[in-house]
Amino acid sequence: MSTPINPLIPKLSRDVMAKVRRGIFHIETLEAAVRDWAKNSTDIAHHTSPDGRTFEVELRVSSPPPIDEWGTMFGDAIHNLRSVLDAWMWEKANELSSVPINPLDVQFPVSKDGKAWRNWRSRMKPYIDAPLIEGLRVSQPHLVTVEGQNALLGLHDLDIIDKHRGFHDIRVLPKDVDKVDFTLDGPQGPGNDFRVESYTVPAETGGTILKIEFDRPPLDIKLSKYFTWETAFETDAGIHNTSESLRVFSEASQRYPLLAEYKAAKLRAEAVSNVSESDDDTTDDDDREK
């Protein structure tokens, strides 16, 4: 039984990592901007009805959030993280190619179907070897069968949007608005119950975000002086937290090249000089989209 060949774990170059760090800088700048706005431009008030049975929480906004500016920050982060992939691909093409390279041919593949993959492969075959092509193929969106588990496609699509719009549409939402502690006057049950309603309010104006109605006035109510805010963006798949998504994309922009490079190195080490392309040349890849 032969011993498995495990090549050294690859690392991204200094130039590529500079783009990663720039993307992370934009993420942190956006997060800091949201925190500063929330600290300096919002506060919280609560109101209790005269009979003590209705309690409301109000978010007050003294100046609206600069969502257009934040949208450009978000786009800058997306663009830098997407460019990590192309910068790495350019390095690999220059490292492996023995023929002059047309820069327009060289980009990290993001294939939504088998046809797109084959088109990319035909452009790149003169520049990179079969093991690296195979290493890149396995992470392509059209081969990922679990919806929502391919950050590569999300990063790519958001970058395309950023190239064709002035900025991404950013939403600002209050977070954890229902975290209020209270003590009922006696055991909970018929005649001594409560009902909670929460509302999404515009960050530009503020408003009532929470209302609790009690059958009997509670003994006490405690709530935090501050609520946190989160920025979000919307796609066809729903509403997504910007910070969480950007950090996923940051990790993915580094992971996908390294996975491809590691798999290629392993294939080379195992002396697989002729990686089969039969799967790519059938309609299987297209059929998996259906």
C-alpha atoms as a PDB file:
ATOM      1  CA  MET A   1       0.000   0.000   0.000  1.00  0.00           C
ATOM      2  CA  SER A   2       1.505   3.326  -1.068  1.00  0.00           C
ATOM      3  CA  THR A   3       1.798   6.258   1.305  1.00  0.00           C
ATOM      4  CA  PRO A   4      -0.472   9.209   0.384  1.00  0.00           C
ATOM      5  CA  ILE A   5       1.401  12.195  -0.968  1.00  0.00           C
ATOM      6  CA  ASN A   6       0.679  15.386   0.951  1.00  0.00           C
ATOM      7  CA  PRO A   7       2.396  18.445  -0.512  1.00  0.00           C
ATOM      8  CA  LEU A   8       3.258  21.489   1.562  1.00  0.00           C
ATOM      9  CA  ILE A   9       0.362  23.794   2.390  1.00  0.00           C
ATOM     10  CA  PRO A  10       0.570  26.690  -0.117  1.00  0.00           C
ATOM     11  CA  LYS A  11       0.644  30.338   0.894  1.00  0.00           C
ATOM     12  CA  LEU A  12      -0.588  33.425  -0.877  1.00  0.00           C
ATOM     13  CA  SER A  13       2.070  35.800  -2.108  1.00  0.00           C
ATOM     14  CA  ARG A  14       2.831  39.179  -0.585  1.00  0.00           C
ATOM     15  CA  ASP A  15       1.125  40.997  -3.482  1.00  0.00           C
ATOM     16  CA  VAL A  16      -2.046  38.940  -3.216  1.00  0.00           C
ATOM     17  CA  MET A  17      -2.177  39.284   0.577  1.00  0.00           C
ATOM     18  CA  ALA A  18      -1.909  43.074   0.172  1.00  0.00           C
ATOM     19  CA  LYS A  19      -5.292  42.964  -1.588  1.00  0.00           C
ATOM     20  CA  VAL A  20      -6.707  40.765   1.176  1.00  0.00           C
ATOM     21  CA  ARG A  21      -5.561  43.266   3.792  1.00  0.00           C
ATOM     22  CA  ARG A  22      -7.038  46.136   1.812  1.00  0.00           C
ATOM     23  CA  GLY A  23     -10.384  44.357   1.688  1.00  0.00           C
ATOM     24  CA  ILE A  24     -10.273  43.749   5.443  1.00  0.00           C
ATOM     25  CA  PHE A  25      -9.422  47.438   5.976  1.00  0.00           C
ATOM     26  CA  HIS A  26     -12.610  48.428   4.150  1.00  0.00           C
ATOM     27  CA  ILE A  27     -14.627  45.963   6.258  1.00  0.00           C
ATOM     28  CA  GLU A  28     -13.262  47.380   9.503  1.00  0.00           C
ATOM     29  CA  THR A  29     -13.757  50.955   8.294  1.00  0.00           C
ATOM     30  CA  LEU A  30     -17.415  50.260   7.540  1.00  0.00           C
ATOM     31  CA  GLU A  31     -17.991  48.584  10.905  1.00  0.00           C
ATOM     32  CA  ALA A  32     -16.350  51.489  12.742  1.00  0.00           C
ATOM     33  CA  ALA A  33     -18.461  54.006  10.810  1.00  0.00           C
ATOM     34  CA  VAL A  34     -21.678  52.247  11.809  1.00  0.00           C
ATOM     35  CA  ARG A  35     -20.616  52.114  15.467  1.00  0.00           C
ATOM     36  CA  ASP A  36     -19.712  55.810  15.489  1.00  0.00           C
ATOM     37  CA  TRP A  37     -23.022  56.774  13.922  1.00  0.00           C
ATOM     38  CA  ALA A  38     -24.985  54.668  16.415  1.00  0.00           C
ATOM     39  CA  LYS A  39     -23.069  56.141  19.348  1.00  0.00           C
ATOM     40  CA  ASN A  40     -23.300  59.767  18.284  1.00  0.00           C
ATOM     41  CA  SER A  41     -26.587  59.970  16.400  1.00  0.00           C
ATOM     42  CA  THR A  42     -29.016  57.602  18.145  1.00  0.00           C
ATOM     43  CA  ASP A  43     -30.416  57.097  21.602  1.00  0.00           C
ATOM     44  CA  ILE A  44     -33.245  55.198  23.207  1.00  0.00           C
ATOM     45  CA  ALA A  45     -36.348  56.251  25.116  1.00  0.00           C
ATOM     46  CA  HIS A  46     -39.137  54.258  26.711  1.00  0.00           C
ATOM     47  CA  HIS A  47     -42.721  55.169  27.434  1.00  0.00           C
ATOM     48  CA  THR A  48     -45.195  53.648  29.878  1.00  0.00           C
ATOM     49  CA  SER A  49     -48.917  54.264  29.557  1.00  0.00           C
ATOM     50  CA  PRO A  50     -50.700  55.962  32.494  1.00  0.00           C
ATOM     51  CA  ASP A  51     -52.289  52.648  33.532  1.00  0.00           C
ATOM     52  CA  GLY A  52     -48.873  50.896  33.458  1.00  0.00           C
ATOM     53  CA  ARG A  53     -50.056  48.172  31.080  1.00  0.00           C
ATOM     54  CA  THR A  54     -48.377  49.294  27.856  1.00  0.00           C
ATOM     55  CA  PHE A  55     -44.617  49.713  27.502  1.00  0.00           C
ATOM     56  CA  GLU A  56     -42.944  51.060  24.348  1.00  0.00           C
ATOM     57  CA  VAL A  57     -39.313  51.386  23.315  1.00  0.00           C
ATOM     58  CA  GLU A  58     -38.416  54.199  20.913  1.00  0.00           C
ATOM     59  CA  LEU A  59     -35.214  54.644  18.947  1.00  0.00           C
ATOM     60  CA  ARG A  60     -34.430  58.275  18.312  1.00  0.00           C
ATOM     61  CA  VAL A  61     -32.211  59.379  15.444  1.00  0.00           C
ATOM     62  CA  SER A  62     -30.665  62.839  15.533  1.00  0.00           C
ATOM     63  CA  SER A  63     -29.014  62.542  12.104  1.00  0.00           C
ATOM     64  CA  PRO A  64     -29.670  59.929   9.415  1.00  0.00           C
ATOM     65  CA  PRO A  65     -26.996  57.353   8.589  1.00  0.00           C
ATOM     66  CA  PRO A  66     -24.840  58.040   5.510  1.00  0.00           C
ATOM     67  CA  ILE A  67     -26.001  54.879   3.765  1.00  0.00           C
ATOM     68  CA  ASP A  68     -24.744  55.976   0.341  1.00  0.00           C
ATOM     69  CA  GLU A  69     -21.258  56.394   1.743  1.00  0.00           C
ATOM     70  CA  TRP A  70     -21.528  53.062   3.521  1.00  0.00           C
ATOM     71  CA  GLY A  71     -22.653  51.466   0.277  1.00  0.00           C
ATOM     72  CA  THR A  72     -19.460  52.583  -1.425  1.00  0.00           C
ATOM     73  CA  MET A  73     -17.393  51.217   1.494  1.00  0.00           C
ATOM     74  CA  PHE A  74     -19.162  47.898   1.107  1.00  0.00           C
ATOM     75  CA  GLY A  75     -18.490  47.920  -2.626  1.00  0.00           C
ATOM     76  CA  ASP A  76     -14.825  48.749  -2.072  1.00  0.00           C
ATOM     77  CA  ALA A  77     -14.479  45.758   0.257  1.00  0.00           C
ATOM     78  CA  ILE A  78     -16.210  43.464  -2.224  1.00  0.00           C
ATOM     79  CA  HIS A  79     -14.082  44.681  -5.133  1.00  0.00           C
ATOM     80  CA  ASN A  80     -10.807  44.212  -3.266  1.00  0.00           C
ATOM     81  CA  LEU A  81     -11.726  40.719  -2.112  1.00  0.00           C
ATOM     82  CA  ARG A  82     -12.801  39.692  -5.624  1.00  0.00           C
ATOM     83  CA  SER A  83      -9.562  41.104  -7.066  1.00  0.00           C
ATOM     84  CA  VAL A  84      -7.625  38.781  -4.742  1.00  0.00           C
ATOM     85  CA  LEU A  85      -8.775  35.877  -6.910  1.00  0.00           C
ATOM     86  CA  ASP A  86      -7.787  37.474 -10.206  1.00  0.00           C
ATOM     87  CA  ALA A  87      -4.429  38.624  -8.837  1.00  0.00           C
ATOM     88  CA  TRP A  88      -3.663  35.064  -7.767  1.00  0.00           C
ATOM     89  CA  MET A  89      -4.800  33.718 -11.151  1.00  0.00           C
ATOM     90  CA  TRP A  90      -2.526  36.193 -12.953  1.00  0.00           C
ATOM     91  CA  GLU A  91       0.418  35.053 -10.834  1.00  0.00           C
ATOM     92  CA  LYS A  92      -0.256  31.389 -11.629  1.00  0.00           C
ATOM     93  CA  ALA A  93      -0.578  32.078 -15.358  1.00  0.00           C
ATOM     94  CA  ASN A  94       2.743  33.913 -15.407  1.00  0.00           C
ATOM     95  CA  GLU A  95       4.376  31.201 -13.341  1.00  0.00           C
ATOM     96  CA  LEU A  96       3.207  28.293 -15.516  1.00  0.00           C
ATOM     97  CA  SER A  97       2.795  29.673 -19.035  1.00  0.00           C
ATOM     98  CA  SER A  98       5.444  29.164 -21.701  1.00  0.00           C
ATOM     99  CA  VAL A  99       3.621  31.345 -24.252  1.00  0.00           C
ATOM    100  CA  PRO A 100       2.742  35.063 -24.293  1.00  0.00           C
ATOM    101  CA  ILE A 101      -0.310  35.816 -22.154  1.00  0.00           C
ATOM    102  CA  ASN A 102      -3.321  37.831 -23.261  1.00  0.00           C
ATOM    103  CA  PRO A 103      -4.364  39.646 -20.045  1.00  0.00           C
ATOM    104  CA  LEU A 104      -8.011  39.624 -21.177  1.00  0.00           C
ATOM    105  CA  ASP A 105      -8.011  35.818 -20.968  1.00  0.00           C
ATOM    106  CA  VAL A 106      -6.822  35.625 -17.379  1.00  0.00           C
ATOM    107  CA  GLN A 107      -9.393  35.699 -14.607  1.00  0.00           C
ATOM    108  CA  PHE A 108     -10.371  33.435 -11.756  1.00  0.00           C
ATOM    109  CA  PRO A 109     -13.202  31.165 -12.973  1.00  0.00           C
ATOM    110  CA  VAL A 110     -16.724  31.547 -11.602  1.00  0.00           C
ATOM    111  CA  SER A 111     -18.808  29.208 -13.749  1.00  0.00           C
ATOM    112  CA  LYS A 112     -22.567  29.029 -13.342  1.00  0.00           C
ATOM    113  CA  ASP A 113     -22.908  26.163 -15.849  1.00  0.00           C
ATOM    114  CA  GLY A 114     -20.805  23.667 -17.734  1.00  0.00           C
ATOM    115  CA  LYS A 115     -20.662  25.798 -20.873  1.00  0.00           C
ATOM    116  CA  ALA A 116     -19.161  28.743 -18.993  1.00  0.00           C
ATOM    117  CA  TRP A 117     -16.590  26.428 -17.441  1.00  0.00           C
ATOM    118  CA  ARG A 118     -15.553  25.002 -20.790  1.00  0.00           C
ATOM    119  CA  ASN A 119     -15.252  28.488 -22.289  1.00  0.00           C
ATOM    120  CA  TRP A 120     -12.984  29.568 -19.446  1.00  0.00           C
ATOM    121  CA  ARG A 121     -10.936  26.394 -19.710  1.00  0.00           C
ATOM    122  CA  SER A 122     -10.347  26.829 -23.430  1.00  0.00           C
ATOM    123  CA  ARG A 123      -9.011  30.358 -22.847  1.00  0.00           C
ATOM    124  CA  MET A 124      -6.753  29.334 -19.968  1.00  0.00           C
ATOM    125  CA  LYS A 125      -5.394  25.974 -21.224  1.00  0.00           C
ATOM    126  CA  PRO A 126      -2.452  27.606 -23.011  1.00  0.00           C
ATOM    127  CA  TYR A 127      -1.328  29.252 -19.770  1.00  0.00           C
ATOM    128  CA  ILE A 128      -1.828  26.819 -16.882  1.00  0.00           C
ATOM    129  CA  ASP A 129      -1.517  23.069 -16.544  1.00  0.00           C
ATOM    130  CA  ALA A 130      -4.207  20.386 -16.241  1.00  0.00           C
ATOM    131  CA  PRO A 131      -3.706  19.811 -12.481  1.00  0.00           C
ATOM    132  CA  LEU A 132      -4.442  23.465 -11.679  1.00  0.00           C
ATOM    133  CA  ILE A 133      -7.456  23.445 -13.980  1.00  0.00           C
ATOM    134  CA  GLU A 134      -8.774  20.433 -12.105  1.00  0.00           C
ATOM    135  CA  GLY A 135      -8.000  22.114  -8.785  1.00  0.00           C
ATOM    136  CA  LEU A 136     -10.103  25.104  -9.820  1.00  0.00           C
ATOM    137  CA  ARG A 137     -12.918  23.038 -11.263  1.00  0.00           C
ATOM    138  CA  VAL A 138     -14.010  21.355  -8.036  1.00  0.00           C
ATOM    139  CA  SER A 139     -15.109  24.613  -6.366  1.00  0.00           C
ATOM    140  CA  GLN A 140     -17.135  25.978  -9.273  1.00  0.00           C
ATOM    141  CA  PRO A 141     -20.675  27.139  -8.429  1.00  0.00           C
ATOM    142  CA  HIS A 142     -22.342  24.864 -11.006  1.00  0.00           C
ATOM    143  CA  LEU A 143     -20.888  21.831  -9.211  1.00  0.00           C
ATOM    144  CA  VAL A 144     -21.965  22.893  -5.712  1.00  0.00           C
ATOM    145  CA  THR A 145     -25.242  21.093  -5.081  1.00  0.00           C
ATOM    146  CA  VAL A 146     -26.142  22.674  -1.718  1.00  0.00           C
ATOM    147  CA  GLU A 147     -27.730  26.083  -2.232  1.00  0.00           C
ATOM    148  CA  GLY A 148     -26.044  28.933  -0.406  1.00  0.00           C
ATOM    149  CA  GLN A 149     -22.780  27.081   0.229  1.00  0.00           C
ATOM    150  CA  ASN A 150     -20.673  28.697  -2.464  1.00  0.00           C
ATOM    151  CA  ALA A 151     -19.317  32.047  -1.337  1.00  0.00           C
ATOM    152  CA  LEU A 152     -17.450  32.334  -4.635  1.00  0.00           C
ATOM    153  CA  LEU A 153     -20.645  33.014  -6.561  1.00  0.00           C
ATOM    154  CA  GLY A 154     -21.931  35.545  -4.023  1.00  0.00           C
ATOM    155  CA  LEU A 155     -18.660  37.470  -4.034  1.00  0.00           C
ATOM    156  CA  HIS A 156     -18.521  37.453  -7.822  1.00  0.00           C
ATOM    157  CA  ASP A 157     -22.125  38.594  -8.302  1.00  0.00           C
ATOM    158  CA  LEU A 158     -21.830  41.417  -5.768  1.00  0.00           C
ATOM    159  CA  ASP A 159     -18.662  42.610  -7.484  1.00  0.00           C
ATOM    160  CA  ILE A 160     -20.506  42.681 -10.824  1.00  0.00           C
ATOM    161  CA  ILE A 161     -23.272  44.760  -9.216  1.00  0.00           C
ATOM    162  CA  ASP A 162     -20.700  47.162  -7.790  1.00  0.00           C
ATOM    163  CA  LYS A 163     -19.159  47.672 -11.229  1.00  0.00           C
ATOM    164  CA  HIS A 164     -22.494  48.678 -12.756  1.00  0.00           C
ATOM    165  CA  ARG A 165     -24.024  50.748  -9.946  1.00  0.00           C
ATOM    166  CA  GLY A 166     -22.904  53.749  -7.986  1.00  0.00           C
ATOM    167  CA  PHE A 167     -23.157  51.881  -4.697  1.00  0.00           C
ATOM    168  CA  HIS A 168     -24.891  48.960  -3.021  1.00  0.00           C
ATOM    169  CA  ASP A 169     -28.226  49.596  -1.327  1.00  0.00           C
ATOM    170  CA  ILE A 170     -27.481  49.329   2.380  1.00  0.00           C
ATOM    171  CA  ARG A 171     -30.106  48.961   5.085  1.00  0.00           C
ATOM    172  CA  VAL A 172     -29.595  49.826   8.735  1.00  0.00           C
ATOM    173  CA  LEU A 173     -31.581  47.738  11.200  1.00  0.00           C
ATOM    174  CA  PRO A 174     -31.890  47.767  14.999  1.00  0.00           C
ATOM    175  CA  LYS A 175     -30.641  44.514  16.487  1.00  0.00           C
ATOM    176  CA  ASP A 176     -31.895  42.511  19.490  1.00  0.00           C
ATOM    177  CA  VAL A 177     -34.791  44.880  20.108  1.00  0.00           C
ATOM    178  CA  ASP A 178     -36.764  42.294  22.057  1.00  0.00           C
ATOM    179  CA  LYS A 179     -34.235  41.867  24.867  1.00  0.00           C
ATOM    180  CA  VAL A 180     -36.235  43.415  27.693  1.00  0.00           C
ATOM    181  CA  ASP A 181     -36.440  41.923  31.199  1.00  0.00           C
ATOM    182  CA  PHE A 182     -39.554  42.338  33.295  1.00  0.00           C
ATOM    183  CA  THR A 183     -41.212  40.745  36.309  1.00  0.00           C
ATOM    184  CA  LEU A 184     -44.915  39.971  36.240  1.00  0.00           C
ATOM    185  CA  ASP A 185     -47.092  40.725  39.252  1.00  0.00           C
ATOM    186  CA  GLY A 186     -47.771  37.100  40.076  1.00  0.00           C
ATOM    187  CA  PRO A 187     -47.754  33.828  38.090  1.00  0.00           C
ATOM    188  CA  GLN A 188     -48.172  34.084  34.336  1.00  0.00           C
ATOM    189  CA  GLY A 189     -51.537  32.862  33.137  1.00  0.00           C
ATOM    190  CA  PRO A 190     -55.028  33.999  32.132  1.00  0.00           C
ATOM    191  CA  GLY A 191     -55.526  37.573  33.254  1.00  0.00           C
ATOM    192  CA  ASN A 192     -51.789  38.022  33.877  1.00  0.00           C
ATOM    193  CA  ASP A 193     -50.143  37.587  30.486  1.00  0.00           C
ATOM    194  CA  PHE A 194     -48.319  39.799  27.999  1.00  0.00           C
ATOM    195  CA  ARG A 195     -47.984  40.332  24.259  1.00  0.00           C
ATOM    196  CA  VAL A 196     -44.849  41.577  22.467  1.00  0.00           C
ATOM    197  CA  GLU A 197     -44.712  43.304  19.101  1.00  0.00           C
ATOM    198  CA  SER A 198     -41.483  44.453  17.443  1.00  0.00           C
ATOM    199  CA  TYR A 199     -41.188  46.752  14.466  1.00  0.00           C
ATOM    200  CA  THR A 200     -38.565  47.535  11.868  1.00  0.00           C
ATOM    201  CA  VAL A 201     -38.153  51.292  11.698  1.00  0.00           C
ATOM    202  CA  PRO A 202     -36.239  53.434   9.195  1.00  0.00           C
ATOM    203  CA  ALA A 203     -32.786  54.313  10.463  1.00  0.00           C
ATOM    204  CA  GLU A 204     -33.275  57.731   8.871  1.00  0.00           C
ATOM    205  CA  THR A 205     -36.112  58.649  11.233  1.00  0.00           C
ATOM    206  CA  GLY A 206     -36.229  56.164  14.097  1.00  0.00           C
ATOM    207  CA  GLY A 207     -39.501  55.317  15.772  1.00  0.00           C
ATOM    208  CA  THR A 208     -41.137  52.761  18.042  1.00  0.00           C
ATOM    209  CA  ILE A 209     -39.345  49.440  17.760  1.00  0.00           C
ATOM    210  CA  LEU A 210     -40.994  47.486  20.550  1.00  0.00           C
ATOM    211  CA  LYS A 211     -44.344  47.414  22.315  1.00  0.00           C
ATOM    212  CA  ILE A 212     -45.331  45.157  25.230  1.00  0.00           C
ATOM    213  CA  GLU A 213     -48.922  44.989  26.425  1.00  0.00           C
ATOM    214  CA  PHE A 214     -49.581  43.498  29.881  1.00  0.00           C
ATOM    215  CA  ASP A 215     -52.870  42.284  31.334  1.00  0.00           C
ATOM    216  CA  ARG A 216     -51.700  43.748  34.650  1.00  0.00           C
ATOM    217  CA  PRO A 217     -48.912  46.269  35.211  1.00  0.00           C
ATOM    218  CA  PRO A 218     -45.609  44.438  35.777  1.00  0.00           C
ATOM    219  CA  LEU A 219     -43.604  44.871  38.958  1.00  0.00           C
ATOM    220  CA  ASP A 220     -40.572  46.169  37.033  1.00  0.00           C
ATOM    221  CA  ILE A 221     -39.066  46.492  33.562  1.00  0.00           C
ATOM    222  CA  LYS A 222     -35.368  46.598  32.718  1.00  0.00           C
ATOM    223  CA  LEU A 223     -33.775  47.248  29.360  1.00  0.00           C
ATOM    224  CA  SER A 224     -30.382  48.214  28.057  1.00  0.00           C
ATOM    225  CA  LYS A 225     -29.749  51.888  27.516  1.00  0.00           C
ATOM    226  CA  TYR A 226     -28.443  51.120  24.031  1.00  0.00           C
ATOM    227  CA  PHE A 227     -29.453  48.828  21.220  1.00  0.00           C
ATOM    228  CA  THR A 228     -26.974  47.884  18.562  1.00  0.00           C
ATOM    229  CA  TRP A 229     -27.541  48.526  14.888  1.00  0.00           C
ATOM    230  CA  GLU A 230     -26.506  46.327  12.002  1.00  0.00           C
ATOM    231  CA  THR A 231     -26.089  47.082   8.321  1.00  0.00           C
ATOM    232  CA  ALA A 232     -27.556  44.707   5.773  1.00  0.00           C
ATOM    233  CA  PHE A 233     -27.968  44.312   2.034  1.00  0.00           C
ATOM    234  CA  GLU A 234     -30.594  42.481   0.019  1.00  0.00           C
ATOM    235  CA  THR A 235     -30.235  39.933  -2.772  1.00  0.00           C
ATOM    236  CA  ASP A 236     -32.677  37.540  -4.401  1.00  0.00           C
ATOM    237  CA  ALA A 237     -31.782  35.091  -1.620  1.00  0.00           C
ATOM    238  CA  GLY A 238     -32.894  37.479   1.148  1.00  0.00           C
ATOM    239  CA  ILE A 239     -31.393  40.044   3.531  1.00  0.00           C
ATOM    240  CA  HIS A 240     -27.805  39.531   4.698  1.00  0.00           C
ATOM    241  CA  ASN A 241     -25.724  41.111   7.444  1.00  0.00           C
ATOM    242  CA  THR A 242     -22.918  43.082   5.780  1.00  0.00           C
ATOM    243  CA  SER A 243     -20.203  42.401   8.374  1.00  0.00           C
ATOM    244  CA  GLU A 244     -20.890  38.676   8.566  1.00  0.00           C
ATOM    245  CA  SER A 245     -21.028  38.340   4.770  1.00  0.00           C
ATOM    246  CA  LEU A 246     -17.865  40.354   4.176  1.00  0.00           C
ATOM    247  CA  ARG A 247     -15.924  38.241   6.634  1.00  0.00           C
ATOM    248  CA  VAL A 248     -17.152  35.085   4.906  1.00  0.00           C
ATOM    249  CA  PHE A 249     -16.029  36.549   1.575  1.00  0.00           C
ATOM    250  CA  SER A 250     -12.662  37.536   3.046  1.00  0.00           C
ATOM    251  CA  GLU A 251     -12.036  33.976   4.170  1.00  0.00           C
ATOM    252  CA  ALA A 252     -13.304  32.572   0.863  1.00  0.00           C
ATOM    253  CA  SER A 253     -11.089  34.837  -1.248  1.00  0.00           C
ATOM    254  CA  GLN A 254      -8.098  33.204   0.421  1.00  0.00           C
ATOM    255  CA  ARG A 255      -9.473  29.673   0.688  1.00  0.00           C
ATOM    256  CA  TYR A 256     -10.467  29.046  -2.929  1.00  0.00           C
ATOM    257  CA  PRO A 257      -7.036  29.761  -4.476  1.00  0.00           C
ATOM    258  CA  LEU A 258      -5.239  27.770  -1.801  1.00  0.00           C
ATOM    259  CA  LEU A 259      -7.560  24.773  -2.243  1.00  0.00           C
ATOM    260  CA  ALA A 260      -6.971  24.831  -5.991  1.00  0.00           C
ATOM    261  CA  GLU A 261      -3.227  25.164  -5.566  1.00  0.00           C
ATOM    262  CA  TYR A 262      -3.042  22.370  -2.997  1.00  0.00           C
ATOM    263  CA  LYS A 263      -5.051  19.975  -5.155  1.00  0.00           C
ATOM    264  CA  ALA A 264      -2.911  20.833  -8.188  1.00  0.00           C
ATOM    265  CA  ALA A 265       0.283  20.256  -6.212  1.00  0.00           C
ATOM    266  CA  LYS A 266      -1.010  16.889  -5.051  1.00  0.00           C
ATOM    267  CA  LEU A 267      -1.883  15.836  -8.598  1.00  0.00           C
ATOM    268  CA  ARG A 268       1.546  16.875  -9.826  1.00  0.00           C
ATOM    269  CA  ALA A 269       3.239  15.038  -6.972  1.00  0.00           C
ATOM    270  CA  GLU A 270       1.309  11.908  -7.849  1.00  0.00           C
ATOM    271  CA  ALA A 271       2.559  12.288 -11.424  1.00  0.00           C
ATOM    272  CA  VAL A 272      -0.917  12.678 -12.891  1.00  0.00           C
ATOM    273  CA  SER A 273       0.196  14.267 -16.122  1.00  0.00           C
ATOM    274  CA  ASN A 274      -3.027  13.828 -18.048  1.00  0.00           C
ATOM    275  CA  VAL A 275      -6.037  14.833 -15.973  1.00  0.00           C
ATOM    276  CA  SER A 276      -9.183  13.483 -17.589  1.00  0.00           C
ATOM    277  CA  GLU A 277     -11.579  16.071 -18.974  1.00  0.00           C
ATOM    278  CA  SER A 278     -14.313  13.667 -19.979  1.00  0.00           C
ATOM    279  CA  ASP A 279     -16.681  14.886 -17.259  1.00  0.00           C
ATOM    280  CA  ASP A 280     -16.237  18.476 -18.387  1.00  0.00           C
ATOM    281  CA  ASP A 281     -16.940  17.645 -22.016  1.00  0.00           C
ATOM    282  CA  THR A 282     -20.323  16.038 -21.355  1.00  0.00           C
ATOM    283  CA  THR A 283     -23.554  17.760 -20.455  1.00  0.00           C
ATOM    284  CA  ASP A 284     -23.355  16.520 -16.839  1.00  0.00           C
ATOM    285  CA  ASP A 285     -22.268  19.902 -15.552  1.00  0.00           C
ATOM    286  CA  ASP A 286     -25.207  21.640 -17.208  1.00  0.00           C
ATOM    287  CA  ASP A 287     -27.641  19.001 -16.005  1.00  0.00           C
ATOM    288  CA  ARG A 288     -26.665  19.616 -12.376  1.00  0.00           C
ATOM    289  CA  GLU A 289     -28.062  23.109 -12.709  1.00  0.00           C
ATOM    290  CA  LYS A 290     -31.571  21.750 -13.388  1.00  0.00           C
END
